[in-house]
Amino acid sequence: MGNTVSYRIRELHLACAAFYVDARLVRLSGRWIASADTHDGPSLGYGDTAFAALWMALAPFDGVIDELLTTVPDDALSG
C-alpha cells in the first residue's frame, strides 16, 4: 500500500460591510495554504501559520482585510 495523506480543508465565509469572500485553509506538511475567491479568480497565500496564509490570500482586498478577518471563527486558525 502507498502512503496516505490526510488533511482537512477549512471553508470560511468572511464578510465586511460591502461584500463577502469565500476562502479555504489547509495544512500540508507543516505549512498552511489559503485560497480566497476574488472577481479575478483565486488568490493564494501560504505561511507557517493559518493567519499568515489567510492574510496573504486576502491581499486583493486591501483596505478591508482587518474587517474580513474579524469574521473568521475562533477555531479556524488553530492547528
Protein backbone atom coordinates (compact mmCIF):
# COMPACT_ATOMS: atom_id res chain seq x y z
CA MET A 1 0.00 0.00 0.00
CA GLY A 2 1.15 3.53 -0.74
CA ASN A 3 1.33 6.44 1.63
CA THR A 4 -1.97 8.05 2.51
CA VAL A 5 -2.13 11.80 3.05
CA SER A 6 -4.99 13.06 5.17
CA TYR A 7 -5.91 16.70 5.54
CA ARG A 8 -8.91 18.82 6.43
CA ILE A 9 -9.95 21.76 4.28
CA ARG A 10 -11.49 24.54 6.34
CA GLU A 11 -14.07 26.51 4.40
CA LEU A 12 -14.64 30.09 5.53
CA HIS A 13 -17.29 32.65 4.65
CA LEU A 14 -15.81 36.05 5.54
CA ALA A 15 -17.81 39.27 5.41
CA CYS A 16 -17.38 43.02 5.54
CA ALA A 17 -19.96 45.79 5.19
CA ALA A 18 -19.91 45.74 1.38
CA PHE A 19 -19.41 42.09 0.36
CA TYR A 20 -18.38 38.61 1.41
CA VAL A 21 -15.41 36.41 0.50
CA ASP A 22 -15.26 32.62 0.42
CA ALA A 23 -11.89 31.24 1.49
CA ARG A 24 -10.30 27.89 2.26
CA LEU A 25 -7.43 26.86 4.54
CA VAL A 26 -5.48 23.62 4.55
CA ARG A 27 -2.35 22.47 6.37
CA LEU A 28 0.08 20.35 4.37
CA SER A 29 3.49 19.19 5.60
CA GLY A 30 3.51 21.72 8.42
CA ARG A 31 2.72 24.73 6.20
CA TRP A 32 -0.60 26.47 5.64
CA ILE A 33 -2.12 27.25 2.25
CA ALA A 34 -5.07 29.60 1.82
CA SER A 35 -7.24 30.41 -1.17
CA ALA A 36 -9.67 33.32 -1.34
CA ASP A 37 -12.15 33.90 -4.15
CA THR A 38 -11.80 37.25 -5.94
CA HIS A 39 -13.50 38.70 -9.01
CA ASP A 40 -10.24 37.94 -10.90
CA GLY A 41 -10.08 34.30 -9.75
CA PRO A 42 -8.47 32.69 -6.72
CA SER A 43 -5.86 34.47 -4.63
CA LEU A 44 -3.39 32.18 -2.89
CA GLY A 45 -1.43 32.60 0.31
CA TYR A 46 0.96 30.41 2.28
CA GLY A 47 2.79 30.56 5.57
CA ASP A 48 3.89 28.92 8.77
CA THR A 49 0.56 29.90 10.37
CA ALA A 50 -3.02 29.84 9.16
CA PHE A 51 -3.26 33.57 9.87
CA ALA A 52 -0.24 34.38 7.68
CA ALA A 53 -1.57 32.29 4.80
CA LEU A 54 -5.05 33.84 5.04
CA TRP A 55 -3.63 37.38 5.29
CA MET A 56 -1.64 36.81 2.08
CA ALA A 57 -4.65 35.32 0.25
CA LEU A 58 -6.77 38.34 1.23
CA ALA A 59 -4.23 40.84 -0.17
CA PRO A 60 -6.50 41.81 -3.12
CA PHE A 61 -8.97 43.14 -0.54
CA ASP A 62 -6.53 45.72 0.86
CA GLY A 63 -8.43 48.25 2.94
CA VAL A 64 -10.95 45.74 4.36
CA ILE A 65 -8.66 42.83 5.32
CA ASP A 66 -8.96 43.64 9.04
CA GLU A 67 -12.75 43.73 8.78
CA LEU A 68 -12.82 40.40 6.92
CA LEU A 69 -10.52 38.80 9.49
CA THR A 70 -12.87 39.75 12.34
CA THR A 71 -15.40 37.28 10.89
CA VAL A 72 -13.02 34.29 10.99
CA PRO A 73 -14.31 31.73 13.52
CA ASP A 74 -12.00 31.39 16.56
CA ASP A 75 -11.22 27.73 15.89
CA ALA A 76 -10.44 28.18 12.18
CA LEU A 77 -6.91 29.46 12.73
CA SER A 78 -5.79 26.77 15.16
CA GLY A 79 -3.53 23.94 14.09
